Structure formats: structure tokens, C-alpha cells
Amino acid sequence: MPDSPRRPVSSRRAAPARARRAVVVLGLLAGLVAGCSSTPDPEAATPDEAAQVVTSGFELDDAAHDCLRDAFETTDGAAAALTLGGSAPERQRTALTGVLDRCVTAEAFADITARSVAEGVAGTTGEQQACVHQAVLDLPAERRTTLMVGLALSGDAQPDDLDVEVGEITQDLFDACDVTLDVGATTTTTG
């Protein structure tokens, strides 16, 4: 059998440990953003209700709410994705992605993320908050959208591949800005 390159044992152990830390980080950030997916019945979600969930979860202004409402009205499946959370099928996640991309600017999302980190991670400095803000803006658009959609769909207590990917993006942001997650010292809000 030919020799195949193998990662050292320590690297093989580090990847799952990093994924677990990433999911913990995602849980923290999702709790701070108030987990947008909160409407109990996908059939009951009106475009206005879906817009209100995102607006309140991401603390957006009235103009964003109006944009979201209009986008949910014209985008089949997007509101249902919000109500189903992480179990939403790919078609509905894609619809939600389009709505969020249309109505939540990169700048607004960077503000939301940086503010959430500052409020939820004990000891976060103003410099670290500014770094997170810039790091979110510097993310490739696809990763920023993945983070935004993942946070909007989080909160169903069923970690999936999207949660792991979002956790990894969040961990990368924390690492880039020297934000240290001390689970015992964090504060989260539930809602």
C-alpha cells in the first residue's frame, strides 16, 4: 500500500475540537442576536411577521423592515425557512439568502455582529469590537452571507453543517481580533 500523507495526531484531534469550539461560539453569537427563527408554524408566517422576526433579531431599522417585508412577499419559501430554522430545506435557505442579501447591508450586519460580540463576550474592548466590525466587512461576500443566514436560522438546538460552518467563521473572526471566549464569563440573552 502506498504511503499516504497523514496529519499528525495532534492535528487530527484539533479539527474536531475546533469544530466543537466553533459551535459554542455560534451558540453565543446566536443567543446575542436573539435567534431569528422563532415563529412556531411555517404556514402561519406572514411576510410582515417574518420581517419583524429578522428586524427585531438583528435590531434593524424601519427601512430594513420594509425592505424585508416586501422581499418576503415576493420570495417564495423565504419566510418558511425562518420558521423552520436549521431544518429548512436548501431551496428555502436559498430564498432566505436572497432576501437577507437584498435588505441587510454588509455595514449593518458588521454593526450587528460587532455590537453582539461586545455585549456578549466579557472583556471585549472597543478596539476588538472595531476589529470584529472590520473583519466582518472584509469577509468574502459568500462567507458573510453564510454567517448572516446561519444566525437567522439558528436556535433550533439541532446543530447541522451550517451551524458548524457559521461557528468556524465566527471563531475565525474571534481569532483575528483576539476575542477570547470564556464561557463562564459570558452573558447571553434568551428570547
N, C-alpha and C. Protein backbone atom coordinates (compact mmCIF):
# COMPACT_ATOMS: atom_id res chain seq x y z
N MET A 1 0.85 -1.17 0.00
CA MET A 1 0.00 0.00 0.00
C MET A 1 0.90 1.23 0.00
N PRO A 2 0.61 2.19 -0.91
CA PRO A 2 1.46 3.39 -0.96
C PRO A 2 1.28 4.23 0.29
N ASP A 3 2.37 4.89 0.62
CA ASP A 3 2.30 5.78 1.78
C ASP A 3 1.43 6.97 1.42
N SER A 4 0.51 7.29 2.32
CA SER A 4 -0.31 8.47 2.11
C SER A 4 0.04 9.47 3.18
N PRO A 5 0.01 10.74 2.81
CA PRO A 5 0.33 11.75 3.82
C PRO A 5 -0.73 11.72 4.91
N ARG A 6 -0.25 11.76 6.12
CA ARG A 6 -1.17 11.75 7.26
C ARG A 6 -0.88 12.96 8.11
N ARG A 7 -1.94 13.51 8.61
CA ARG A 7 -1.77 14.62 9.53
C ARG A 7 -1.28 14.06 10.86
N PRO A 8 -0.49 14.81 11.58
CA PRO A 8 -0.08 14.37 12.91
C PRO A 8 -1.32 14.18 13.79
N VAL A 9 -1.18 13.31 14.77
CA VAL A 9 -2.29 13.02 15.67
C VAL A 9 -2.83 14.29 16.29
N SER A 10 -1.96 15.19 16.69
CA SER A 10 -2.44 16.42 17.32
C SER A 10 -3.32 17.23 16.37
N SER A 11 -3.01 17.23 15.05
CA SER A 11 -3.84 17.95 14.08
C SER A 11 -5.18 17.28 13.89
N ARG A 12 -5.19 15.93 13.90
CA ARG A 12 -6.46 15.23 13.74
C ARG A 12 -7.37 15.49 14.93
N ARG A 13 -6.81 15.65 16.09
CA ARG A 13 -7.63 15.94 17.27
C ARG A 13 -8.06 17.40 17.29
N ALA A 14 -7.25 18.28 16.74
CA ALA A 14 -7.55 19.71 16.78
C ALA A 14 -8.76 20.06 15.93
N ALA A 15 -8.94 19.40 14.79
CA ALA A 15 -10.06 19.75 13.91
C ALA A 15 -11.40 19.53 14.59
N PRO A 16 -11.68 18.35 15.20
CA PRO A 16 -12.97 18.22 15.89
C PRO A 16 -13.09 19.17 17.08
N ALA A 17 -11.98 19.40 17.79
CA ALA A 17 -12.04 20.32 18.93
C ALA A 17 -12.38 21.72 18.44
N ARG A 18 -11.78 22.15 17.33
CA ARG A 18 -12.08 23.47 16.77
C ARG A 18 -13.54 23.54 16.35
N ALA A 19 -14.07 22.47 15.75
CA ALA A 19 -15.48 22.45 15.34
C ALA A 19 -16.38 22.57 16.57
N ARG A 20 -16.05 21.89 17.65
CA ARG A 20 -16.86 21.99 18.88
C ARG A 20 -16.81 23.40 19.43
N ARG A 21 -15.60 24.00 19.47
CA ARG A 21 -15.48 25.39 19.94
C ARG A 21 -16.28 26.31 19.03
N ALA A 22 -16.23 26.04 17.73
CA ALA A 22 -16.94 26.89 16.78
C ALA A 22 -18.44 26.84 17.03
N VAL A 23 -18.97 25.66 17.35
CA VAL A 23 -20.41 25.56 17.64
C VAL A 23 -20.75 26.30 18.92
N VAL A 24 -19.85 26.27 19.92
CA VAL A 24 -20.08 27.03 21.16
C VAL A 24 -20.09 28.52 20.86
N VAL A 25 -19.15 28.97 20.03
CA VAL A 25 -19.09 30.38 19.65
C VAL A 25 -20.36 30.76 18.90
N LEU A 26 -20.81 29.90 17.99
CA LEU A 26 -22.05 30.15 17.26
C LEU A 26 -23.21 30.29 18.23
N GLY A 27 -23.28 29.40 19.21
CA GLY A 27 -24.36 29.46 20.19
C GLY A 27 -24.37 30.79 20.93
N LEU A 28 -23.20 31.26 21.28
CA LEU A 28 -23.11 32.55 21.96
C LEU A 28 -23.61 33.66 21.06
N LEU A 29 -23.09 33.73 19.85
CA LEU A 29 -23.47 34.82 18.95
C LEU A 29 -24.94 34.72 18.57
N ALA A 30 -25.44 33.52 18.35
CA ALA A 30 -26.85 33.35 18.01
C ALA A 30 -27.73 33.81 19.16
N GLY A 31 -27.34 33.51 20.38
CA GLY A 31 -28.11 33.97 21.53
C GLY A 31 -28.12 35.48 21.64
N LEU A 32 -27.01 36.10 21.28
CA LEU A 32 -26.94 37.55 21.34
C LEU A 32 -27.79 38.20 20.27
N VAL A 33 -27.85 37.58 19.11
CA VAL A 33 -28.65 38.13 18.02
C VAL A 33 -30.11 37.76 18.23
N ALA A 34 -30.39 36.98 19.23
CA ALA A 34 -31.75 36.61 19.63
C ALA A 34 -32.38 35.58 18.72
N GLY A 35 -31.58 34.83 17.99
CA GLY A 35 -32.10 33.74 17.17
C GLY A 35 -33.34 34.13 16.40
N CYS A 36 -33.18 34.47 15.17
CA CYS A 36 -34.30 34.95 14.38
C CYS A 36 -35.38 33.91 14.16
N SER A 37 -35.02 32.64 14.04
CA SER A 37 -36.03 31.63 13.71
C SER A 37 -36.86 31.33 14.95
N SER A 38 -38.01 32.00 15.05
CA SER A 38 -38.80 31.85 16.26
C SER A 38 -40.30 31.75 16.04
N THR A 39 -40.76 31.84 14.81
CA THR A 39 -42.19 31.71 14.55
C THR A 39 -42.52 30.23 14.55
N PRO A 40 -43.50 29.75 15.36
CA PRO A 40 -43.70 28.33 15.54
C PRO A 40 -44.21 27.55 14.34
N ASP A 41 -45.02 28.12 13.47
CA ASP A 41 -45.66 27.37 12.40
C ASP A 41 -45.35 27.99 11.05
N PRO A 42 -44.63 27.23 10.15
CA PRO A 42 -44.25 27.83 8.88
C PRO A 42 -45.44 28.30 8.06
N GLU A 43 -46.57 27.67 8.20
CA GLU A 43 -47.74 28.09 7.43
C GLU A 43 -48.30 29.41 7.96
N ALA A 44 -48.01 29.74 9.21
CA ALA A 44 -48.57 30.94 9.83
C ALA A 44 -47.73 32.19 9.61
N ALA A 45 -46.52 32.05 9.08
CA ALA A 45 -45.63 33.20 8.95
C ALA A 45 -46.05 34.06 7.77
N THR A 46 -46.50 35.25 8.07
CA THR A 46 -46.80 36.21 7.01
C THR A 46 -45.50 36.94 6.67
N PRO A 47 -45.45 37.60 5.52
CA PRO A 47 -44.26 38.38 5.20
C PRO A 47 -43.93 39.42 6.28
N ASP A 48 -44.96 40.05 6.84
CA ASP A 48 -44.71 41.04 7.88
C ASP A 48 -44.16 40.39 9.15
N GLU A 49 -44.69 39.23 9.53
CA GLU A 49 -44.18 38.52 10.71
C GLU A 49 -42.72 38.10 10.51
N ALA A 50 -42.42 37.58 9.33
CA ALA A 50 -41.04 37.17 9.04
C ALA A 50 -40.12 38.38 9.08
N ALA A 51 -40.57 39.49 8.50
CA ALA A 51 -39.76 40.71 8.52
C ALA A 51 -39.55 41.19 9.94
N GLN A 52 -40.57 41.09 10.78
CA GLN A 52 -40.45 41.53 12.16
C GLN A 52 -39.46 40.66 12.94
N VAL A 53 -39.47 39.35 12.67
CA VAL A 53 -38.54 38.44 13.35
C VAL A 53 -37.11 38.84 13.04
N VAL A 54 -36.81 39.08 11.76
CA VAL A 54 -35.45 39.46 11.38
C VAL A 54 -35.11 40.86 11.91
N THR A 55 -36.06 41.78 11.77
CA THR A 55 -35.83 43.15 12.22
C THR A 55 -35.51 43.19 13.71
N SER A 56 -36.29 42.49 14.51
CA SER A 56 -36.03 42.51 15.95
C SER A 56 -34.81 41.68 16.31
N GLY A 57 -34.61 40.54 15.66
CA GLY A 57 -33.45 39.71 15.95
C GLY A 57 -32.14 40.39 15.63
N PHE A 58 -32.10 41.13 14.53
CA PHE A 58 -30.90 41.83 14.11
C PHE A 58 -30.91 43.31 14.49
N GLU A 59 -31.96 43.75 15.17
CA GLU A 59 -32.10 45.15 15.61
C GLU A 59 -31.93 46.12 14.43
N LEU A 60 -32.73 45.89 13.38
CA LEU A 60 -32.66 46.71 12.18
C LEU A 60 -33.66 47.87 12.24
N ASP A 61 -33.48 48.82 11.37
CA ASP A 61 -34.36 50.00 11.35
C ASP A 61 -35.62 49.74 10.51
N ASP A 62 -36.50 50.74 10.49
CA ASP A 62 -37.78 50.62 9.77
C ASP A 62 -37.60 50.42 8.27
N ALA A 63 -36.60 51.07 7.69
CA ALA A 63 -36.36 50.91 6.25
C ALA A 63 -35.99 49.46 5.93
N ALA A 64 -35.17 48.85 6.76
CA ALA A 64 -34.81 47.44 6.55
C ALA A 64 -36.04 46.55 6.73
N HIS A 65 -36.88 46.88 7.73
CA HIS A 65 -38.11 46.11 7.93
C HIS A 65 -38.99 46.16 6.69
N ASP A 66 -39.17 47.35 6.13
CA ASP A 66 -40.00 47.49 4.93
C ASP A 66 -39.41 46.70 3.75
N CYS A 67 -38.10 46.77 3.60
CA CYS A 67 -37.44 46.02 2.54
C CYS A 67 -37.65 44.51 2.75
N LEU A 68 -37.46 44.06 3.99
CA LEU A 68 -37.65 42.64 4.30
C LEU A 68 -39.08 42.20 4.03
N ARG A 69 -40.05 43.00 4.47
CA ARG A 69 -41.45 42.64 4.26
C ARG A 69 -41.74 42.49 2.76
N ASP A 70 -41.29 43.46 1.98
CA ASP A 70 -41.51 43.40 0.54
C ASP A 70 -40.80 42.19 -0.07
N ALA A 71 -39.59 41.92 0.38
CA ALA A 71 -38.83 40.78 -0.16
C ALA A 71 -39.47 39.45 0.23
N PHE A 72 -39.96 39.35 1.48
CA PHE A 72 -40.64 38.11 1.89
C PHE A 72 -41.93 37.92 1.09
N GLU A 73 -42.61 39.02 0.75
CA GLU A 73 -43.84 38.92 -0.04
C GLU A 73 -43.58 38.36 -1.43
N THR A 74 -42.42 38.66 -1.99
CA THR A 74 -42.15 38.28 -3.38
C THR A 74 -41.20 37.08 -3.52
N THR A 75 -40.75 36.51 -2.41
CA THR A 75 -39.79 35.41 -2.46
C THR A 75 -40.38 34.17 -1.82
N ASP A 76 -40.82 33.26 -2.64
CA ASP A 76 -41.45 32.02 -2.18
C ASP A 76 -40.49 31.20 -1.34
N GLY A 77 -40.92 30.82 -0.16
CA GLY A 77 -40.15 29.93 0.70
C GLY A 77 -39.27 30.60 1.72
N ALA A 78 -39.00 31.89 1.57
CA ALA A 78 -38.06 32.55 2.48
C ALA A 78 -38.61 32.63 3.90
N ALA A 79 -39.87 32.99 4.06
CA ALA A 79 -40.46 33.09 5.40
C ALA A 79 -40.52 31.71 6.04
N ALA A 80 -40.83 30.69 5.27
CA ALA A 80 -40.88 29.33 5.81
C ALA A 80 -39.50 28.90 6.30
N ALA A 81 -38.44 29.31 5.62
CA ALA A 81 -37.09 28.97 6.08
C ALA A 81 -36.85 29.51 7.47
N LEU A 82 -37.28 30.74 7.69
CA LEU A 82 -37.10 31.34 9.02
C LEU A 82 -37.84 30.56 10.09
N THR A 83 -39.02 30.12 9.78
CA THR A 83 -39.82 29.43 10.79
C THR A 83 -39.33 28.02 11.04
N LEU A 84 -38.70 27.41 10.03
CA LEU A 84 -38.19 26.04 10.19
C LEU A 84 -36.80 26.00 10.80
N GLY A 85 -36.09 27.12 10.77
CA GLY A 85 -34.75 27.16 11.33
C GLY A 85 -33.80 26.26 10.56
N GLY A 86 -32.92 25.60 11.29
CA GLY A 86 -31.89 24.77 10.69
C GLY A 86 -32.41 23.60 9.89
N SER A 87 -33.67 23.22 10.07
CA SER A 87 -34.21 22.10 9.31
C SER A 87 -34.81 22.54 7.97
N ALA A 88 -34.71 23.81 7.65
CA ALA A 88 -35.24 24.31 6.37
C ALA A 88 -34.51 23.65 5.21
N PRO A 89 -35.26 23.21 4.20
CA PRO A 89 -34.62 22.63 3.01
C PRO A 89 -33.77 23.67 2.27
N GLU A 90 -32.86 23.19 1.46
CA GLU A 90 -31.93 24.06 0.73
C GLU A 90 -32.66 25.11 -0.11
N ARG A 91 -33.75 24.76 -0.76
CA ARG A 91 -34.50 25.71 -1.58
C ARG A 91 -34.96 26.90 -0.74
N GLN A 92 -35.44 26.63 0.46
CA GLN A 92 -35.91 27.71 1.33
C GLN A 92 -34.75 28.51 1.90
N ARG A 93 -33.64 27.85 2.21
CA ARG A 93 -32.45 28.57 2.68
C ARG A 93 -31.95 29.53 1.59
N THR A 94 -31.98 29.05 0.36
CA THR A 94 -31.55 29.89 -0.76
C THR A 94 -32.47 31.10 -0.90
N ALA A 95 -33.77 30.89 -0.75
CA ALA A 95 -34.72 32.01 -0.81
C ALA A 95 -34.45 33.01 0.30
N LEU A 96 -34.20 32.52 1.51
CA LEU A 96 -33.90 33.41 2.63
C LEU A 96 -32.60 34.17 2.38
N THR A 97 -31.61 33.49 1.82
CA THR A 97 -30.34 34.14 1.49
C THR A 97 -30.58 35.34 0.58
N GLY A 98 -31.41 35.17 -0.43
CA GLY A 98 -31.71 36.27 -1.34
C GLY A 98 -32.36 37.44 -0.64
N VAL A 99 -33.29 37.15 0.25
CA VAL A 99 -33.98 38.21 1.00
C VAL A 99 -32.99 38.97 1.88
N LEU A 100 -32.18 38.24 2.64
CA LEU A 100 -31.23 38.90 3.55
C LEU A 100 -30.19 39.68 2.77
N ASP A 101 -29.69 39.12 1.67
CA ASP A 101 -28.71 39.84 0.86
C ASP A 101 -29.28 41.15 0.31
N ARG A 102 -30.56 41.13 -0.03
CA ARG A 102 -31.20 42.30 -0.60
C ARG A 102 -31.43 43.40 0.44
N CYS A 103 -31.69 43.01 1.69
CA CYS A 103 -32.18 44.00 2.66
C CYS A 103 -31.25 44.31 3.83
N VAL A 104 -30.26 43.50 4.07
CA VAL A 104 -29.34 43.75 5.19
C VAL A 104 -27.97 44.04 4.58
N THR A 105 -27.55 45.28 4.68
CA THR A 105 -26.27 45.66 4.09
C THR A 105 -25.11 45.04 4.86
N ALA A 106 -23.98 44.95 4.20
CA ALA A 106 -22.77 44.45 4.85
C ALA A 106 -22.43 45.32 6.07
N GLU A 107 -22.58 46.62 5.91
CA GLU A 107 -22.29 47.55 7.01
C GLU A 107 -23.22 47.31 8.20
N ALA A 108 -24.50 47.16 7.94
CA ALA A 108 -25.46 46.91 9.02
C ALA A 108 -25.15 45.58 9.71
N PHE A 109 -24.83 44.56 8.93
CA PHE A 109 -24.53 43.26 9.53
C PHE A 109 -23.24 43.31 10.33
N ALA A 110 -22.25 44.04 9.85
CA ALA A 110 -21.00 44.20 10.61
C ALA A 110 -21.28 44.90 11.94
N ASP A 111 -22.13 45.94 11.91
CA ASP A 111 -22.51 46.63 13.15
C ASP A 111 -23.18 45.67 14.13
N ILE A 112 -24.13 44.89 13.62
CA ILE A 112 -24.87 43.94 14.45
C ILE A 112 -23.91 42.94 15.10
N THR A 113 -23.04 42.38 14.30
CA THR A 113 -22.12 41.36 14.78
C THR A 113 -21.16 41.94 15.81
N ALA A 114 -20.56 43.08 15.51
CA ALA A 114 -19.61 43.69 16.44
C ALA A 114 -20.28 44.08 17.75
N ARG A 115 -21.48 44.64 17.66
CA ARG A 115 -22.21 45.02 18.87
C ARG A 115 -22.56 43.79 19.70
N SER A 116 -22.98 42.72 19.04
CA SER A 116 -23.34 41.49 19.74
C SER A 116 -22.14 40.90 20.47
N VAL A 117 -20.99 40.92 19.82
CA VAL A 117 -19.78 40.41 20.46
C VAL A 117 -19.42 41.27 21.66
N ALA A 118 -19.46 42.59 21.50
CA ALA A 118 -19.12 43.49 22.60
C ALA A 118 -20.06 43.32 23.79
N GLU A 119 -21.35 43.11 23.50
CA GLU A 119 -22.33 42.94 24.58
C GLU A 119 -22.25 41.57 25.22
N GLY A 120 -21.82 40.57 24.49
CA GLY A 120 -21.91 39.21 24.99
C GLY A 120 -20.64 38.55 25.44
N VAL A 121 -19.50 39.11 25.06
CA VAL A 121 -18.24 38.49 25.44
C VAL A 121 -17.56 39.42 26.45
N ALA A 122 -17.52 38.95 27.68
CA ALA A 122 -16.94 39.75 28.76
C ALA A 122 -15.51 40.16 28.40
N GLY A 123 -15.20 41.41 28.67
CA GLY A 123 -13.84 41.90 28.46
C GLY A 123 -13.53 42.35 27.05
N THR A 124 -14.51 42.35 26.15
CA THR A 124 -14.26 42.81 24.79
C THR A 124 -14.00 44.31 24.82
N THR A 125 -12.89 44.71 24.23
CA THR A 125 -12.52 46.13 24.21
C THR A 125 -13.13 46.82 22.99
N GLY A 126 -13.10 48.13 23.00
CA GLY A 126 -13.55 48.90 21.84
C GLY A 126 -12.72 48.59 20.61
N GLU A 127 -11.43 48.37 20.82
CA GLU A 127 -10.54 48.02 19.70
C GLU A 127 -10.93 46.66 19.11
N GLN A 128 -11.24 45.70 19.96
CA GLN A 128 -11.66 44.38 19.47
C GLN A 128 -13.01 44.48 18.74
N GLN A 129 -13.92 45.29 19.28
CA GLN A 129 -15.21 45.47 18.63
C GLN A 129 -15.02 46.07 17.24
N ALA A 130 -14.17 47.08 17.13
CA ALA A 130 -13.88 47.68 15.83
C ALA A 130 -13.23 46.67 14.89
N CYS A 131 -12.38 45.83 15.43
CA CYS A 131 -11.74 44.79 14.63
C CYS A 131 -12.78 43.80 14.10
N VAL A 132 -13.71 43.36 14.95
CA VAL A 132 -14.76 42.44 14.50
C VAL A 132 -15.59 43.09 13.40
N HIS A 133 -15.94 44.35 13.60
CA HIS A 133 -16.70 45.09 12.59
C HIS A 133 -15.97 45.05 11.24
N GLN A 134 -14.69 45.40 11.25
CA GLN A 134 -13.92 45.42 10.00
C GLN A 134 -13.73 44.01 9.45
N ALA A 135 -13.52 43.05 10.32
CA ALA A 135 -13.32 41.66 9.87
C ALA A 135 -14.57 41.13 9.17
N VAL A 136 -15.75 41.50 9.67
CA VAL A 136 -16.99 41.09 9.01
C VAL A 136 -17.08 41.74 7.64
N LEU A 137 -16.75 43.01 7.55
CA LEU A 137 -16.75 43.69 6.25
C LEU A 137 -15.74 43.06 5.28
N ASP A 138 -14.63 42.59 5.82
CA ASP A 138 -13.57 42.02 4.98
C ASP A 138 -13.84 40.57 4.57
N LEU A 139 -14.85 39.93 5.18
CA LEU A 139 -15.17 38.57 4.78
C LEU A 139 -15.58 38.54 3.32
N PRO A 140 -15.22 37.48 2.60
CA PRO A 140 -15.79 37.33 1.26
C PRO A 140 -17.31 37.32 1.38
N ALA A 141 -17.99 37.88 0.39
CA ALA A 141 -19.46 38.02 0.46
C ALA A 141 -20.14 36.68 0.78
N GLU A 142 -19.65 35.60 0.22
CA GLU A 142 -20.27 34.29 0.46
C GLU A 142 -20.18 33.88 1.93
N ARG A 143 -19.03 34.12 2.56
CA ARG A 143 -18.88 33.77 3.98
C ARG A 143 -19.73 34.69 4.86
N ARG A 144 -19.78 35.98 4.51
CA ARG A 144 -20.61 36.92 5.29
C ARG A 144 -22.08 36.51 5.19
N THR A 145 -22.52 36.14 4.00
CA THR A 145 -23.91 35.70 3.82
C THR A 145 -24.17 34.41 4.59
N THR A 146 -23.22 33.48 4.56
CA THR A 146 -23.37 32.24 5.32
C THR A 146 -23.54 32.54 6.80
N LEU A 147 -22.73 33.46 7.31
CA LEU A 147 -22.83 33.85 8.71
C LEU A 147 -24.20 34.46 9.01
N MET A 148 -24.66 35.36 8.15
CA MET A 148 -25.94 36.03 8.37
C MET A 148 -27.10 35.03 8.32
N VAL A 149 -27.12 34.17 7.31
CA VAL A 149 -28.20 33.19 7.19
C VAL A 149 -28.14 32.19 8.34
N GLY A 150 -26.95 31.76 8.70
CA GLY A 150 -26.80 30.83 9.81
C GLY A 150 -27.32 31.40 11.12
N LEU A 151 -27.03 32.67 11.37
CA LEU A 151 -27.54 33.30 12.59
C LEU A 151 -29.06 33.45 12.53
N ALA A 152 -29.58 33.76 11.36
CA ALA A 152 -31.03 33.89 11.22
C ALA A 152 -31.73 32.55 11.43
N LEU A 153 -31.08 31.46 11.05
CA LEU A 153 -31.70 30.14 11.17
C LEU A 153 -31.33 29.42 12.47
N SER A 154 -30.48 30.00 13.28
CA SER A 154 -30.03 29.32 14.49
C SER A 154 -31.11 29.31 15.55
N GLY A 155 -30.90 28.49 16.53
CA GLY A 155 -31.80 28.49 17.67
C GLY A 155 -32.69 27.28 17.76
N ASP A 156 -32.51 26.30 16.86
CA ASP A 156 -33.37 25.12 16.94
C ASP A 156 -32.74 23.99 17.73
N ALA A 157 -31.58 24.20 18.32
CA ALA A 157 -30.89 23.22 19.16
C ALA A 157 -30.52 21.95 18.42
N GLN A 158 -30.50 21.98 17.11
CA GLN A 158 -30.11 20.84 16.28
C GLN A 158 -28.94 21.25 15.41
N PRO A 159 -27.71 21.20 15.94
CA PRO A 159 -26.56 21.61 15.13
C PRO A 159 -26.48 20.82 13.83
N ASP A 160 -26.26 21.52 12.74
CA ASP A 160 -26.10 20.88 11.44
C ASP A 160 -24.84 21.45 10.78
N ASP A 161 -24.61 21.09 9.52
CA ASP A 161 -23.41 21.55 8.83
C ASP A 161 -23.34 23.07 8.74
N LEU A 162 -24.48 23.72 8.56
CA LEU A 162 -24.49 25.18 8.50
C LEU A 162 -24.04 25.76 9.84
N ASP A 163 -24.52 25.20 10.94
CA ASP A 163 -24.10 25.68 12.27
C ASP A 163 -22.59 25.53 12.45
N VAL A 164 -22.05 24.41 12.02
CA VAL A 164 -20.60 24.20 12.14
C VAL A 164 -19.85 25.22 11.29
N GLU A 165 -20.30 25.44 10.06
CA GLU A 165 -19.63 26.40 9.18
C GLU A 165 -19.72 27.82 9.77
N VAL A 166 -20.88 28.18 10.27
CA VAL A 166 -21.04 29.51 10.87
C VAL A 166 -20.18 29.63 12.13
N GLY A 167 -20.12 28.57 12.91
CA GLY A 167 -19.26 28.57 14.10
C GLY A 167 -17.80 28.76 13.73
N GLU A 168 -17.37 28.13 12.66
CA GLU A 168 -15.99 28.27 12.21
C GLU A 168 -15.71 29.69 11.74
N ILE A 169 -16.64 30.29 11.01
CA ILE A 169 -16.47 31.68 10.57
C ILE A 169 -16.38 32.59 11.79
N THR A 170 -17.26 32.37 12.74
CA THR A 170 -17.26 33.18 13.96
C THR A 170 -15.95 33.00 14.72
N GLN A 171 -15.49 31.77 14.84
CA GLN A 171 -14.22 31.52 15.52
C GLN A 171 -13.08 32.22 14.80
N ASP A 172 -13.09 32.21 13.46
CA ASP A 172 -12.07 32.93 12.70
C ASP A 172 -12.10 34.43 13.01
N LEU A 173 -13.31 34.99 13.11
CA LEU A 173 -13.44 36.41 13.47
C LEU A 173 -12.86 36.66 14.86
N PHE A 174 -13.21 35.79 15.81
CA PHE A 174 -12.70 35.94 17.18
C PHE A 174 -11.18 35.84 17.19
N ASP A 175 -10.64 34.85 16.47
CA ASP A 175 -9.19 34.67 16.43
C ASP A 175 -8.50 35.88 15.81
N ALA A 176 -9.05 36.41 14.73
CA ALA A 176 -8.45 37.55 14.04
C ALA A 176 -8.41 38.79 14.93
N CYS A 177 -9.35 38.87 15.85
CA CYS A 177 -9.47 40.08 16.69
C CYS A 177 -9.09 39.83 18.14
N ASP A 178 -8.50 38.70 18.42
CA ASP A 178 -8.08 38.34 19.78
C ASP A 178 -9.22 38.43 20.78
N VAL A 179 -10.41 38.04 20.34
CA VAL A 179 -11.56 37.96 21.25
C VAL A 179 -11.53 36.57 21.86
N THR A 180 -11.49 36.53 23.18
CA THR A 180 -11.39 35.25 23.87
C THR A 180 -12.73 34.90 24.47
N LEU A 181 -13.20 33.72 24.12
CA LEU A 181 -14.46 33.25 24.64
C LEU A 181 -14.21 32.49 25.93
N ASP A 182 -14.65 33.06 27.02
CA ASP A 182 -14.60 32.40 28.32
C ASP A 182 -16.04 32.11 28.68
N VAL A 183 -16.47 30.87 28.43
CA VAL A 183 -17.88 30.51 28.58
C VAL A 183 -18.42 30.90 29.96
N GLY A 184 -17.63 30.78 30.98
CA GLY A 184 -18.09 31.12 32.33
C GLY A 184 -18.28 32.60 32.53
N ALA A 185 -17.66 33.42 31.68
CA ALA A 185 -17.73 34.88 31.88
C ALA A 185 -18.62 35.58 30.87
N THR A 186 -19.30 34.82 30.02
CA THR A 186 -20.13 35.48 29.02
C THR A 186 -21.54 35.72 29.54
N THR A 187 -22.19 36.65 28.90
CA THR A 187 -23.59 36.90 29.23
C THR A 187 -24.39 36.74 27.96
N THR A 188 -25.47 36.03 28.05
CA THR A 188 -26.33 35.87 26.88
C THR A 188 -27.75 36.20 27.27
N THR A 189 -28.50 36.58 26.27
CA THR A 189 -29.91 36.84 26.49
C THR A 189 -30.69 35.78 25.75
N THR A 190 -31.81 35.42 26.29
CA THR A 190 -32.66 34.46 25.61
C THR A 190 -33.96 35.14 25.26
N GLY A 191 -34.52 34.71 24.20
CA GLY A 191 -35.75 35.39 23.81
C GLY A 191 -36.52 34.62 22.83
